[in-house]
Amino acid sequence: MNVRILRGRWVVACAAAWMLSACVVAPLGPYGGPAGGGELVTVAPPAPQYEVVGVAPVVGHIWLGGYWGWHSGRHHWVPGYWSAPRPGHVWVPHSWARVGGGWRLNNGYWRRH
């Protein structure tokens, strides 16, 4: 087979693999946000931690507060951070919901308004 044809097919295959690697398929939860964070846990999350929120590093950025995550059988604090806002959206923070005999983390997400 011609070397040019092989090289062209190789370039097309690499480009397709690169473009597909950026695809993320995530289930949607209520209101079009991402689905819950995972497993049902039997330990209620602790009260939120106090976070010192200074001045935004970039004018117009907003603070996305921290939350209690769950990993390796225990709650751990995930600190908040500054983020650029998304036009036409509002941030819905992470939250824990009572489900049956346990708790499930609902991931934070940007909701269209």
PDB file of N, CA and C in Angstrom:
ATOM      1  N   MET A   1       0.851  -1.171   0.000  1.00  0.00           N
ATOM      2  CA  MET A   1       0.000   0.000   0.000  1.00  0.00           C
ATOM      3  C   MET A   1       0.896   1.232   0.000  1.00  0.00           C
ATOM      4  N   ASN A   2       0.427   2.265  -0.612  1.00  0.00           N
ATOM      5  CA  ASN A   2       1.164   3.501  -0.738  1.00  0.00           C
ATOM      6  C   ASN A   2       1.438   4.106   0.642  1.00  0.00           C
ATOM      7  N   VAL A   3       2.653   4.593   0.854  1.00  0.00           N
ATOM      8  CA  VAL A   3       3.049   5.184   2.136  1.00  0.00           C
ATOM      9  C   VAL A   3       2.205   6.412   2.447  1.00  0.00           C
ATOM     10  N   ARG A   4       1.847   7.192   1.435  1.00  0.00           N
ATOM     11  CA  ARG A   4       1.025   8.389   1.633  1.00  0.00           C
ATOM     12  C   ARG A   4      -0.358   8.021   2.176  1.00  0.00           C
ATOM     13  N   ILE A   5      -0.948   6.985   1.653  1.00  0.00           N
ATOM     14  CA  ILE A   5      -2.272   6.544   2.112  1.00  0.00           C
ATOM     15  C   ILE A   5      -2.181   6.068   3.556  1.00  0.00           C
ATOM     16  N   LEU A   6      -1.152   5.286   3.889  1.00  0.00           N
ATOM     17  CA  LEU A   6      -0.971   4.807   5.255  1.00  0.00           C
ATOM     18  C   LEU A   6      -0.773   5.973   6.226  1.00  0.00           C
ATOM     19  N   ARG A   7       0.037   6.937   5.827  1.00  0.00           N
ATOM     20  CA  ARG A   7       0.290   8.100   6.679  1.00  0.00           C
ATOM     21  C   ARG A   7      -1.015   8.889   6.884  1.00  0.00           C
ATOM     22  N   GLY A   8      -1.794   9.057   5.836  1.00  0.00           N
ATOM     23  CA  GLY A   8      -3.064   9.780   5.932  1.00  0.00           C
ATOM     24  C   GLY A   8      -4.042   9.072   6.864  1.00  0.00           C
ATOM     25  N   ARG A   9      -4.128   7.752   6.755  1.00  0.00           N
ATOM     26  CA  ARG A   9      -5.012   6.985   7.645  1.00  0.00           C
ATOM     27  C   ARG A   9      -4.545   7.086   9.093  1.00  0.00           C
ATOM     28  N   TRP A  10      -3.235   7.074   9.295  1.00  0.00           N
ATOM     29  CA  TRP A  10      -2.690   7.173  10.641  1.00  0.00           C
ATOM     30  C   TRP A  10      -3.036   8.538  11.246  1.00  0.00           C
ATOM     31  N   VAL A  11      -2.907   9.596  10.460  1.00  0.00           N
ATOM     32  CA  VAL A  11      -3.235  10.944  10.939  1.00  0.00           C
ATOM     33  C   VAL A  11      -4.718  11.034  11.287  1.00  0.00           C
ATOM     34  N   VAL A  12      -5.581  10.503  10.451  1.00  0.00           N
ATOM     35  CA  VAL A  12      -7.026  10.532  10.702  1.00  0.00           C
ATOM     36  C   VAL A  12      -7.349   9.732  11.964  1.00  0.00           C
ATOM     37  N   ALA A  13      -6.750   8.560  12.121  1.00  0.00           N
ATOM     38  CA  ALA A  13      -7.002   7.738  13.304  1.00  0.00           C
ATOM     39  C   ALA A  13      -6.548   8.447  14.580  1.00  0.00           C
ATOM     40  N   CYS A  14      -5.380   9.080  14.535  1.00  0.00           N
ATOM     41  CA  CYS A  14      -4.884   9.811  15.715  1.00  0.00           C
ATOM     42  C   CYS A  14      -5.771  11.002  16.035  1.00  0.00           C
ATOM     43  N   ALA A  15      -6.205  11.725  15.023  1.00  0.00           N
ATOM     44  CA  ALA A  15      -7.077  12.885  15.253  1.00  0.00           C
ATOM     45  C   ALA A  15      -8.408  12.447  15.853  1.00  0.00           C
ATOM     46  N   ALA A  16      -8.967  11.359  15.346  1.00  0.00           N
ATOM     47  CA  ALA A  16     -10.234  10.855  15.886  1.00  0.00           C
ATOM     48  C   ALA A  16     -10.078  10.413  17.331  1.00  0.00           C
ATOM     49  N   ALA A  17      -8.980   9.722  17.642  1.00  0.00           N
ATOM     50  CA  ALA A  17      -8.736   9.283  19.018  1.00  0.00           C
ATOM     51  C   ALA A  17      -8.570  10.482  19.941  1.00  0.00           C
ATOM     52  N   TRP A  18      -7.874  11.507  19.491  1.00  0.00           N
ATOM     53  CA  TRP A  18      -7.677  12.703  20.299  1.00  0.00           C
ATOM     54  C   TRP A  18      -9.002  13.409  20.566  1.00  0.00           C
ATOM     55  N   MET A  19      -9.842  13.557  19.544  1.00  0.00           N
ATOM     56  CA  MET A  19     -11.130  14.236  19.718  1.00  0.00           C
ATOM     57  C   MET A  19     -12.056  13.439  20.616  1.00  0.00           C
ATOM     58  N   LEU A  20     -12.072  12.132  20.495  1.00  0.00           N
ATOM     59  CA  LEU A  20     -12.941  11.306  21.331  1.00  0.00           C
ATOM     60  C   LEU A  20     -12.470  11.266  22.777  1.00  0.00           C
ATOM     61  N   SER A  21     -11.184  11.479  23.007  1.00  0.00           N
ATOM     62  CA  SER A  21     -10.680  11.442  24.379  1.00  0.00           C
ATOM     63  C   SER A  21     -11.223  12.597  25.204  1.00  0.00           C
ATOM     64  N   ALA A  22     -11.709  13.647  24.565  1.00  0.00           N
ATOM     65  CA  ALA A  22     -12.254  14.800  25.281  1.00  0.00           C
ATOM     66  C   ALA A  22     -13.741  14.628  25.582  1.00  0.00           C
ATOM     67  N   CYS A  23     -14.357  13.576  25.093  1.00  0.00           N
ATOM     68  CA  CYS A  23     -15.788  13.364  25.336  1.00  0.00           C
ATOM     69  C   CYS A  23     -16.005  12.831  26.738  1.00  0.00           C
ATOM     70  N   VAL A  24     -16.984  13.408  27.422  1.00  0.00           N
ATOM     71  CA  VAL A  24     -17.349  12.938  28.744  1.00  0.00           C
ATOM     72  C   VAL A  24     -18.848  12.715  28.746  1.00  0.00           C
ATOM     73  N   VAL A  25     -19.260  11.536  29.125  1.00  0.00           N
ATOM     74  CA  VAL A  25     -20.678  11.240  29.234  1.00  0.00           C
ATOM     75  C   VAL A  25     -20.981  11.098  30.716  1.00  0.00           C
ATOM     76  N   ALA A  26     -21.798  12.007  31.240  1.00  0.00           N
ATOM     77  CA  ALA A  26     -22.130  11.994  32.660  1.00  0.00           C
ATOM     78  C   ALA A  26     -23.644  11.972  32.820  1.00  0.00           C
ATOM     79  N   PRO A  27     -24.156  11.141  33.713  1.00  0.00           N
ATOM     80  CA  PRO A  27     -25.594  11.110  33.917  1.00  0.00           C
ATOM     81  C   PRO A  27     -26.070  12.415  34.537  1.00  0.00           C
ATOM     82  N   LEU A  28     -27.276  12.838  34.172  1.00  0.00           N
ATOM     83  CA  LEU A  28     -27.835  14.059  34.720  1.00  0.00           C
ATOM     84  C   LEU A  28     -28.714  13.754  35.917  1.00  0.00           C
ATOM     85  N   GLY A  29     -28.643  14.627  36.884  1.00  0.00           N
ATOM     86  CA  GLY A  29     -29.486  14.518  38.066  1.00  0.00           C
ATOM     87  C   GLY A  29     -30.672  15.455  37.931  1.00  0.00           C
ATOM     88  N   PRO A  30     -31.279  15.827  39.042  1.00  0.00           N
ATOM     89  CA  PRO A  30     -32.428  16.720  38.987  1.00  0.00           C
ATOM     90  C   PRO A  30     -32.044  18.088  38.441  1.00  0.00           C
ATOM     91  N   TYR A  31     -32.941  18.721  37.708  1.00  0.00           N
ATOM     92  CA  TYR A  31     -32.757  20.069  37.162  1.00  0.00           C
ATOM     93  C   TYR A  31     -31.627  20.145  36.154  1.00  0.00           C
ATOM     94  N   GLY A  32     -31.245  19.031  35.560  1.00  0.00           N
ATOM     95  CA  GLY A  32     -30.226  19.048  34.526  1.00  0.00           C
ATOM     96  C   GLY A  32     -28.805  19.067  35.032  1.00  0.00           C
ATOM     97  N   GLY A  33     -28.600  18.993  36.335  1.00  0.00           N
ATOM     98  CA  GLY A  33     -27.254  18.956  36.894  1.00  0.00           C
ATOM     99  C   GLY A  33     -26.737  17.536  36.900  1.00  0.00           C
ATOM    100  N   PRO A  34     -25.495  17.349  37.327  1.00  0.00           N
ATOM    101  CA  PRO A  34     -24.944  15.999  37.368  1.00  0.00           C
ATOM    102  C   PRO A  34     -25.649  15.144  38.410  1.00  0.00           C
ATOM    103  N   ALA A  35     -25.622  13.862  38.201  1.00  0.00           N
ATOM    104  CA  ALA A  35     -26.240  12.927  39.140  1.00  0.00           C
ATOM    105  C   ALA A  35     -25.475  12.947  40.461  1.00  0.00           C
ATOM    106  N   GLY A  36     -26.065  12.336  41.467  1.00  0.00           N
ATOM    107  CA  GLY A  36     -25.464  12.299  42.804  1.00  0.00           C
ATOM    108  C   GLY A  36     -24.035  11.786  42.785  1.00  0.00           C
ATOM    109  N   GLY A  37     -23.298  12.136  43.828  1.00  0.00           N
ATOM    110  CA  GLY A  37     -21.882  11.846  43.893  1.00  0.00           C
ATOM    111  C   GLY A  37     -21.525  10.396  44.095  1.00  0.00           C
ATOM    112  N   GLY A  38     -22.479   9.533  44.301  1.00  0.00           N
ATOM    113  CA  GLY A  38     -22.067   8.153  44.418  1.00  0.00           C
ATOM    114  C   GLY A  38     -22.822   7.360  45.435  1.00  0.00           C
ATOM    115  N   GLU A  39     -22.056   6.613  46.207  1.00  0.00           N
ATOM    116  CA  GLU A  39     -22.626   5.622  47.102  1.00  0.00           C
ATOM    117  C   GLU A  39     -23.471   6.228  48.217  1.00  0.00           C
ATOM    118  N   LEU A  40     -24.353   5.409  48.713  1.00  0.00           N
ATOM    119  CA  LEU A  40     -25.171   5.764  49.859  1.00  0.00           C
ATOM    120  C   LEU A  40     -24.341   5.467  51.104  1.00  0.00           C
ATOM    121  N   VAL A  41     -24.200   6.463  51.989  1.00  0.00           N
ATOM    122  CA  VAL A  41     -23.403   6.277  53.200  1.00  0.00           C
ATOM    123  C   VAL A  41     -24.306   6.374  54.417  1.00  0.00           C
ATOM    124  N   THR A  42     -23.936   5.688  55.487  1.00  0.00           N
ATOM    125  CA  THR A  42     -24.768   5.668  56.689  1.00  0.00           C
ATOM    126  C   THR A  42     -24.344   6.701  57.723  1.00  0.00           C
ATOM    127  N   VAL A  43     -23.263   7.411  57.462  1.00  0.00           N
ATOM    128  CA  VAL A  43     -22.763   8.415  58.395  1.00  0.00           C
ATOM    129  C   VAL A  43     -23.154   9.805  57.899  1.00  0.00           C
ATOM    130  N   ALA A  44     -23.901  10.543  58.698  1.00  0.00           N
ATOM    131  CA  ALA A  44     -24.310  11.893  58.315  1.00  0.00           C
ATOM    132  C   ALA A  44     -23.086  12.793  58.185  1.00  0.00           C
ATOM    133  N   PRO A  45     -23.114  13.735  57.233  1.00  0.00           N
ATOM    134  CA  PRO A  45     -21.973  14.646  57.100  1.00  0.00           C
ATOM    135  C   PRO A  45     -21.905  15.596  58.293  1.00  0.00           C
ATOM    136  N   PRO A  46     -20.689  15.977  58.689  1.00  0.00           N
ATOM    137  CA  PRO A  46     -20.545  16.956  59.771  1.00  0.00           C
ATOM    138  C   PRO A  46     -21.063  18.332  59.331  1.00  0.00           C
ATOM    139  N   ALA A  47     -21.148  19.248  60.268  1.00  0.00           N
ATOM    140  CA  ALA A  47     -21.527  20.629  59.939  1.00  0.00           C
ATOM    141  C   ALA A  47     -20.475  21.226  59.015  1.00  0.00           C
ATOM    142  N   PRO A  48     -20.879  22.124  58.130  1.00  0.00           N
ATOM    143  CA  PRO A  48     -19.893  22.739  57.229  1.00  0.00           C
ATOM    144  C   PRO A  48     -18.788  23.434  58.012  1.00  0.00           C
ATOM    145  N   GLN A  49     -17.597  23.415  57.453  1.00  0.00           N
ATOM    146  CA  GLN A  49     -16.461  24.100  58.081  1.00  0.00           C
ATOM    147  C   GLN A  49     -16.489  25.573  57.709  1.00  0.00           C
ATOM    148  N   TYR A  50     -15.960  26.388  58.593  1.00  0.00           N
ATOM    149  CA  TYR A  50     -15.825  27.810  58.321  1.00  0.00           C
ATOM    150  C   TYR A  50     -14.651  28.002  57.362  1.00  0.00           C
ATOM    151  N   GLU A  51     -14.860  28.771  56.318  1.00  0.00           N
ATOM    152  CA  GLU A  51     -13.784  29.056  55.368  1.00  0.00           C
ATOM    153  C   GLU A  51     -13.551  30.555  55.311  1.00  0.00           C
ATOM    154  N   VAL A  52     -12.312  30.945  55.336  1.00  0.00           N
ATOM    155  CA  VAL A  52     -11.962  32.351  55.181  1.00  0.00           C
ATOM    156  C   VAL A  52     -11.958  32.646  53.686  1.00  0.00           C
ATOM    157  N   VAL A  53     -12.816  33.565  53.299  1.00  0.00           N
ATOM    158  CA  VAL A  53     -12.920  33.928  51.885  1.00  0.00           C
ATOM    159  C   VAL A  53     -12.329  35.319  51.734  1.00  0.00           C
ATOM    160  N   GLY A  54     -11.214  35.400  51.080  1.00  0.00           N
ATOM    161  CA  GLY A  54     -10.550  36.686  50.882  1.00  0.00           C
ATOM    162  C   GLY A  54     -11.114  37.423  49.677  1.00  0.00           C
ATOM    163  N   VAL A  55     -10.286  38.239  49.098  1.00  0.00           N
ATOM    164  CA  VAL A  55     -10.652  39.013  47.919  1.00  0.00           C
ATOM    165  C   VAL A  55     -10.442  38.137  46.687  1.00  0.00           C
ATOM    166  N   ALA A  56     -11.364  38.227  45.753  1.00  0.00           N
ATOM    167  CA  ALA A  56     -11.251  37.440  44.520  1.00  0.00           C
ATOM    168  C   ALA A  56      -9.942  37.760  43.804  1.00  0.00           C
ATOM    169  N   PRO A  57      -9.241  36.738  43.308  1.00  0.00           N
ATOM    170  CA  PRO A  57      -7.977  36.985  42.611  1.00  0.00           C
ATOM    171  C   PRO A  57      -8.178  37.674  41.263  1.00  0.00           C
ATOM    172  N   VAL A  58      -9.386  37.537  40.710  1.00  0.00           N
ATOM    173  CA  VAL A  58      -9.723  38.163  39.439  1.00  0.00           C
ATOM    174  C   VAL A  58     -11.083  38.840  39.623  1.00  0.00           C
ATOM    175  N   VAL A  59     -11.191  40.088  39.190  1.00  0.00           N
ATOM    176  CA  VAL A  59     -12.449  40.818  39.320  1.00  0.00           C
ATOM    177  C   VAL A  59     -13.558  40.040  38.613  1.00  0.00           C
ATOM    178  N   GLY A  60     -14.684  39.856  39.332  1.00  0.00           N
ATOM    179  CA  GLY A  60     -15.828  39.167  38.748  1.00  0.00           C
ATOM    180  C   GLY A  60     -15.915  37.686  39.089  1.00  0.00           C
ATOM    181  N   HIS A  61     -14.841  37.094  39.611  1.00  0.00           N
ATOM    182  CA  HIS A  61     -14.890  35.679  40.002  1.00  0.00           C
ATOM    183  C   HIS A  61     -15.794  35.511  41.217  1.00  0.00           C
ATOM    184  N   ILE A  62     -16.367  34.339  41.374  1.00  0.00           N
ATOM    185  CA  ILE A  62     -17.244  34.062  42.507  1.00  0.00           C
ATOM    186  C   ILE A  62     -16.678  32.901  43.324  1.00  0.00           C
ATOM    187  N   TRP A  63     -17.031  32.876  44.593  1.00  0.00           N
ATOM    188  CA  TRP A  63     -16.561  31.840  45.505  1.00  0.00           C
ATOM    189  C   TRP A  63     -17.500  30.645  45.456  1.00  0.00           C
ATOM    190  N   LEU A  64     -16.963  29.461  45.189  1.00  0.00           N
ATOM    191  CA  LEU A  64     -17.716  28.212  45.240  1.00  0.00           C
ATOM    192  C   LEU A  64     -17.295  27.536  46.539  1.00  0.00           C
ATOM    193  N   GLY A  65     -18.182  27.557  47.526  1.00  0.00           N
ATOM    194  CA  GLY A  65     -17.858  27.082  48.867  1.00  0.00           C
ATOM    195  C   GLY A  65     -17.491  25.608  48.931  1.00  0.00           C
ATOM    196  N   GLY A  66     -16.752  25.271  49.976  1.00  0.00           N
ATOM    197  CA  GLY A  66     -16.336  23.894  50.190  1.00  0.00           C
ATOM    198  C   GLY A  66     -17.491  23.020  50.663  1.00  0.00           C
ATOM    199  N   TYR A  67     -17.230  21.734  50.745  1.00  0.00           N
ATOM    200  CA  TYR A  67     -18.260  20.772  51.141  1.00  0.00           C
ATOM    201  C   TYR A  67     -17.595  19.513  51.692  1.00  0.00           C
ATOM    202  N   TRP A  68     -18.374  18.711  52.372  1.00  0.00           N
ATOM    203  CA  TRP A  68     -17.887  17.425  52.870  1.00  0.00           C
ATOM    204  C   TRP A  68     -18.039  16.381  51.768  1.00  0.00           C
ATOM    205  N   GLY A  69     -16.942  15.794  51.351  1.00  0.00           N
ATOM    206  CA  GLY A  69     -16.959  14.698  50.394  1.00  0.00           C
ATOM    207  C   GLY A  69     -16.878  13.372  51.147  1.00  0.00           C
ATOM    208  N   TRP A  70     -16.928  12.276  50.425  1.00  0.00           N
ATOM    209  CA  TRP A  70     -16.835  10.943  51.022  1.00  0.00           C
ATOM    210  C   TRP A  70     -15.808  10.145  50.253  1.00  0.00           C
ATOM    211  N   HIS A  71     -14.817   9.594  50.979  1.00  0.00           N
ATOM    212  CA  HIS A  71     -13.781   8.798  50.325  1.00  0.00           C
ATOM    213  C   HIS A  71     -13.166   7.859  51.362  1.00  0.00           C
ATOM    214  N   SER A  72     -12.937   6.640  50.969  1.00  0.00           N
ATOM    215  CA  SER A  72     -12.292   5.632  51.827  1.00  0.00           C
ATOM    216  C   SER A  72     -12.997   5.467  53.170  1.00  0.00           C
ATOM    217  N   GLY A  73     -14.326   5.484  53.131  1.00  0.00           N
ATOM    218  CA  GLY A  73     -15.094   5.205  54.334  1.00  0.00           C
ATOM    219  C   GLY A  73     -15.184   6.332  55.342  1.00  0.00           C
ATOM    220  N   ARG A  74     -14.886   7.572  54.914  1.00  0.00           N
ATOM    221  CA  ARG A  74     -15.010   8.690  55.850  1.00  0.00           C
ATOM    222  C   ARG A  74     -15.257   9.998  55.097  1.00  0.00           C
ATOM    223  N   HIS A  75     -15.787  10.974  55.832  1.00  0.00           N
ATOM    224  CA  HIS A  75     -15.983  12.304  55.266  1.00  0.00           C
ATOM    225  C   HIS A  75     -14.660  13.049  55.252  1.00  0.00           C
ATOM    226  N   HIS A  76     -14.445  13.836  54.236  1.00  0.00           N
ATOM    227  CA  HIS A  76     -13.264  14.695  54.155  1.00  0.00           C
ATOM    228  C   HIS A  76     -13.701  16.041  53.582  1.00  0.00           C
ATOM    229  N   TRP A  77     -13.092  17.101  54.061  1.00  0.00           N
ATOM    230  CA  TRP A  77     -13.458  18.441  53.616  1.00  0.00           C
ATOM    231  C   TRP A  77     -12.794  18.753  52.282  1.00  0.00           C
ATOM    232  N   VAL A  78     -13.606  19.202  51.327  1.00  0.00           N
ATOM    233  CA  VAL A  78     -13.108  19.645  50.023  1.00  0.00           C
ATOM    234  C   VAL A  78     -13.200  21.171  50.047  1.00  0.00           C
ATOM    235  N   PRO A  79     -12.072  21.865  50.047  1.00  0.00           N
ATOM    236  CA  PRO A  79     -12.104  23.320  50.191  1.00  0.00           C
ATOM    237  C   PRO A  79     -12.734  24.025  48.998  1.00  0.00           C
ATOM    238  N   GLY A  80     -13.320  25.193  49.289  1.00  0.00           N
ATOM    239  CA  GLY A  80     -13.898  26.011  48.231  1.00  0.00           C
ATOM    240  C   GLY A  80     -12.816  26.670  47.384  1.00  0.00           C
ATOM    241  N   TYR A  81     -13.244  27.302  46.301  1.00  0.00           N
ATOM    242  CA  TYR A  81     -12.289  27.957  45.402  1.00  0.00           C
ATOM    243  C   TYR A  81     -12.992  29.039  44.595  1.00  0.00           C
ATOM    244  N   TRP A  82     -12.207  29.922  44.017  1.00  0.00           N
ATOM    245  CA  TRP A  82     -12.722  30.991  43.165  1.00  0.00           C
ATOM    246  C   TRP A  82     -12.911  30.457  41.747  1.00  0.00           C
ATOM    247  N   SER A  83     -13.981  30.910  41.095  1.00  0.00           N
ATOM    248  CA  SER A  83     -14.253  30.453  39.738  1.00  0.00           C
ATOM    249  C   SER A  83     -14.852  31.594  38.921  1.00  0.00           C
ATOM    250  N   ALA A  84     -14.573  31.562  37.632  1.00  0.00           N
ATOM    251  CA  ALA A  84     -15.218  32.515  36.733  1.00  0.00           C
ATOM    252  C   ALA A  84     -16.684  32.115  36.612  1.00  0.00           C
ATOM    253  N   PRO A  85     -17.592  33.079  36.663  1.00  0.00           N
ATOM    254  CA  PRO A  85     -19.004  32.732  36.505  1.00  0.00           C
ATOM    255  C   PRO A  85     -19.298  32.298  35.068  1.00  0.00           C
ATOM    256  N   ARG A  86     -20.373  31.553  34.912  1.00  0.00           N
ATOM    257  CA  ARG A  86     -20.818  31.153  33.573  1.00  0.00           C
ATOM    258  C   ARG A  86     -22.017  32.008  33.202  1.00  0.00           C
ATOM    259  N   PRO A  87     -21.935  32.765  32.135  1.00  0.00           N
ATOM    260  CA  PRO A  87     -23.059  33.621  31.744  1.00  0.00           C
ATOM    261  C   PRO A  87     -24.346  32.807  31.575  1.00  0.00           C
ATOM    262  N   GLY A  88     -25.420  33.324  32.147  1.00  0.00           N
ATOM    263  CA  GLY A  88     -26.714  32.661  32.019  1.00  0.00           C
ATOM    264  C   GLY A  88     -26.894  31.484  32.960  1.00  0.00           C
ATOM    265  N   HIS A  89     -25.978  31.298  33.906  1.00  0.00           N
ATOM    266  CA  HIS A  89     -26.038  30.177  34.840  1.00  0.00           C
ATOM    267  C   HIS A  89     -25.882  30.661  36.276  1.00  0.00           C
ATOM    268  N   VAL A  90     -26.328  29.850  37.199  1.00  0.00           N
ATOM    269  CA  VAL A  90     -26.141  30.094  38.615  1.00  0.00           C
ATOM    270  C   VAL A  90     -25.557  28.825  39.224  1.00  0.00           C
ATOM    271  N   TRP A  91     -24.641  28.970  40.188  1.00  0.00           N
ATOM    272  CA  TRP A  91     -24.004  27.816  40.815  1.00  0.00           C
ATOM    273  C   TRP A  91     -24.931  27.221  41.860  1.00  0.00           C
ATOM    274  N   VAL A  92     -25.180  25.927  41.766  1.00  0.00           N
ATOM    275  CA  VAL A  92     -25.939  25.176  42.764  1.00  0.00           C
ATOM    276  C   VAL A  92     -24.910  24.359  43.542  1.00  0.00           C
ATOM    277  N   PRO A  93     -24.725  24.663  44.840  1.00  0.00           N
ATOM    278  CA  PRO A  93     -23.654  24.007  45.595  1.00  0.00           C
ATOM    279  C   PRO A  93     -23.892  22.524  45.856  1.00  0.00           C
ATOM    280  N   HIS A  94     -22.813  21.831  46.196  1.00  0.00           N
ATOM    281  CA  HIS A  94     -22.893  20.435  46.633  1.00  0.00           C
ATOM    282  C   HIS A  94     -23.812  20.370  47.846  1.00  0.00           C
ATOM    283  N   SER A  95     -24.518  19.271  47.986  1.00  0.00           N
ATOM    284  CA  SER A  95     -25.379  19.109  49.158  1.00  0.00           C
ATOM    285  C   SER A  95     -25.549  17.622  49.450  1.00  0.00           C
ATOM    286  N   TRP A  96     -25.852  17.331  50.709  1.00  0.00           N
ATOM    287  CA  TRP A  96     -26.126  15.960  51.123  1.00  0.00           C
ATOM    288  C   TRP A  96     -27.633  15.801  51.293  1.00  0.00           C
ATOM    289  N   ALA A  97     -28.180  14.708  50.783  1.00  0.00           N
ATOM    290  CA  ALA A  97     -29.616  14.446  50.889  1.00  0.00           C
ATOM    291  C   ALA A  97     -29.839  13.143  51.651  1.00  0.00           C
ATOM    292  N   ARG A  98     -30.852  13.144  52.494  1.00  0.00           N
ATOM    293  CA  ARG A  98     -31.243  11.941  53.234  1.00  0.00           C
ATOM    294  C   ARG A  98     -31.951  11.021  52.254  1.00  0.00           C
ATOM    295  N   VAL A  99     -31.476   9.800  52.123  1.00  0.00           N
ATOM    296  CA  VAL A  99     -32.068   8.808  51.218  1.00  0.00           C
ATOM    297  C   VAL A  99     -32.252   7.524  52.005  1.00  0.00           C
ATOM    298  N   GLY A 100     -33.507   7.169  52.280  1.00  0.00           N
ATOM    299  CA  GLY A 100     -33.768   5.958  53.056  1.00  0.00           C
ATOM    300  C   GLY A 100     -33.040   6.008  54.382  1.00  0.00           C
ATOM    301  N   GLY A 101     -32.196   5.001  54.646  1.00  0.00           N
ATOM    302  CA  GLY A 101     -31.455   4.939  55.892  1.00  0.00           C
ATOM    303  C   GLY A 101     -30.067   5.540  55.813  1.00  0.00           C
ATOM    304  N   GLY A 102     -29.789   6.322  54.781  1.00  0.00           N
ATOM    305  CA  GLY A 102     -28.440   6.869  54.640  1.00  0.00           C
ATOM    306  C   GLY A 102     -28.429   8.256  54.044  1.00  0.00           C
ATOM    307  N   TRP A 103     -27.267   8.633  53.523  1.00  0.00           N
ATOM    308  CA  TRP A 103     -27.040   9.945  52.940  1.00  0.00           C
ATOM    309  C   TRP A 103     -26.355   9.794  51.586  1.00  0.00           C
ATOM    310  N   ARG A 104     -26.697  10.673  50.649  1.00  0.00           N
ATOM    311  CA  ARG A 104     -26.069  10.664  49.321  1.00  0.00           C
ATOM    312  C   ARG A 104     -25.662  12.090  48.961  1.00  0.00           C
ATOM    313  N   LEU A 105     -24.452  12.230  48.439  1.00  0.00           N
ATOM    314  CA  LEU A 105     -23.932  13.530  48.026  1.00  0.00           C
ATOM    315  C   LEU A 105     -24.470  13.884  46.644  1.00  0.00           C
ATOM    316  N   ASN A 106     -25.049  15.084  46.528  1.00  0.00           N
ATOM    317  CA  ASN A 106     -25.453  15.634  45.228  1.00  0.00           C
ATOM    318  C   ASN A 106     -24.367  16.620  44.819  1.00  0.00           C
ATOM    319  N   ASN A 107     -23.740  16.366  43.701  1.00  0.00           N
ATOM    320  CA  ASN A 107     -22.645  17.218  43.238  1.00  0.00           C
ATOM    321  C   ASN A 107     -23.146  18.611  42.883  1.00  0.00           C
ATOM    322  N   GLY A 108     -22.291  19.607  43.074  1.00  0.00           N
ATOM    323  CA  GLY A 108     -22.616  20.963  42.657  1.00  0.00           C
ATOM    324  C   GLY A 108     -22.580  21.053  41.136  1.00  0.00           C
ATOM    325  N   TYR A 109     -23.308  22.033  40.609  1.00  0.00           N
ATOM    326  CA  TYR A 109     -23.347  22.189  39.145  1.00  0.00           C
ATOM    327  C   TYR A 109     -23.825  23.586  38.787  1.00  0.00           C
ATOM    328  N   TRP A 110     -23.594  23.959  37.538  1.00  0.00           N
ATOM    329  CA  TRP A 110     -24.068  25.227  37.017  1.00  0.00           C
ATOM    330  C   TRP A 110     -25.449  25.014  36.393  1.00  0.00           C
ATOM    331  N   ARG A 111     -26.455  25.709  36.931  1.00  0.00           N
ATOM    332  CA  ARG A 111     -27.837  25.591  36.422  1.00  0.00           C
ATOM    333  C   ARG A 111     -28.176  26.828  35.589  1.00  0.00           C
ATOM    334  N   ARG A 112     -28.774  26.568  34.464  1.00  0.00           N
ATOM    335  CA  ARG A 112     -29.231  27.651  33.594  1.00  0.00           C
ATOM    336  C   ARG A 112     -30.372  28.397  34.272  1.00  0.00           C
ATOM    337  N   HIS A 113     -30.392  29.721  34.151  1.00  0.00           N
ATOM    338  CA  HIS A 113     -31.549  30.458  34.689  1.00  0.00           C
ATOM    339  C   HIS A 113     -32.163  31.352  33.660  1.00  0.00           C
TER     340      HIS A 113
END
